């Protein structure tokens, strides 16, 4: 997942492994909870479209935090 600050002060959460799977939240924890729900719904819709459970998605992840001074 990628978390970025939105222009409206909210945190935007995106899951690049699931095309179009984006959510947001007022806080980091809310954004993470919302993107988790969005991911579950995305997978559910894909399963319904294909008629079977989607194949597992395996992605190697690395988390890096960068602080940028203004």
Protein backbone atom coordinates (compact mmCIF):
# COMPACT_ATOMS: atom_id res chain seq x y z
CA UNK A 1 0.00 0.00 0.00
CA UNK A 2 1.04 3.52 -0.62
CA UNK A 3 -0.07 6.24 1.78
CA UNK A 4 0.13 9.85 0.65
CA UNK A 5 -1.25 13.07 2.09
CA UNK A 6 -4.23 14.34 0.14
CA UNK A 7 -4.83 17.97 -0.72
CA UNK A 8 -7.79 18.02 1.66
CA UNK A 9 -5.70 16.92 4.68
CA UNK A 10 -6.86 13.31 4.50
CA UNK A 11 -4.49 10.38 3.89
CA UNK A 12 -4.94 8.62 0.56
CA UNK A 13 -4.26 4.87 0.55
CA UNK A 14 -3.65 2.98 -2.68
CA UNK A 15 -2.92 -0.68 -3.40
CA UNK A 16 -1.00 -0.76 -6.71
CA UNK A 17 -1.27 -4.57 -6.93
CA UNK A 18 -5.05 -4.22 -7.28
CA UNK A 19 -5.75 -1.75 -10.12
CA UNK A 20 -8.13 1.01 -9.09
CA UNK A 21 -8.12 0.03 -5.42
CA UNK A 22 -7.92 3.38 -3.60
CA UNK A 23 -9.36 4.70 -0.35
CA UNK A 24 -8.68 7.40 2.23
CA UNK A 25 -9.00 8.28 5.89
CA UNK A 26 -8.60 11.17 8.30
CA UNK A 27 -5.76 9.36 10.10
CA UNK A 28 -3.18 6.77 9.09
CA UNK A 29 -4.99 4.02 10.99
CA UNK A 30 -8.33 4.96 9.44
CA UNK A 31 -6.78 5.02 5.95
CA UNK A 32 -5.27 1.56 6.55
CA UNK A 33 -8.59 0.16 7.81
CA UNK A 34 -10.42 1.65 4.83
CA UNK A 35 -7.96 0.33 2.24
CA UNK A 36 -8.12 -3.13 3.84
CA UNK A 37 -11.90 -3.08 3.38
CA UNK A 38 -11.50 -1.80 -0.20
CA UNK A 39 -9.04 -4.62 -0.95
CA UNK A 40 -11.45 -7.24 0.41
CA UNK A 41 -14.27 -5.82 -1.71
CA UNK A 42 -12.02 -5.64 -4.80
CA UNK A 43 -11.12 -9.32 -4.40
CA UNK A 44 -14.78 -10.24 -3.83
CA UNK A 45 -15.84 -8.49 -7.05
CA UNK A 46 -13.04 -10.16 -9.01
CA UNK A 47 -14.12 -13.56 -7.67
CA UNK A 48 -17.73 -12.89 -8.72
CA UNK A 49 -16.66 -11.75 -12.21
CA UNK A 50 -14.49 -14.80 -12.82
CA UNK A 51 -16.74 -17.34 -11.10
CA UNK A 52 -13.96 -18.59 -8.83
CA UNK A 53 -11.65 -17.31 -6.13
CA UNK A 54 -8.85 -15.14 -7.50
CA UNK A 55 -5.33 -16.48 -7.53
CA UNK A 56 -3.23 -15.39 -4.54
CA UNK A 57 -1.35 -12.18 -5.16
CA UNK A 58 2.21 -12.35 -3.88
CA UNK A 59 4.15 -9.11 -3.79
CA UNK A 60 7.50 -8.46 -2.18
CA UNK A 61 7.21 -5.33 -0.07
CA UNK A 62 9.68 -2.90 1.38
CA UNK A 63 8.60 -0.03 3.60
CA UNK A 64 10.57 3.17 3.54
CA UNK A 65 9.66 6.34 5.37
CA UNK A 66 11.14 9.59 4.13
CA UNK A 67 10.76 12.89 5.90
CA UNK A 68 11.04 15.95 3.73
CA UNK A 69 11.63 19.35 5.26
CA UNK A 70 9.69 22.23 3.74
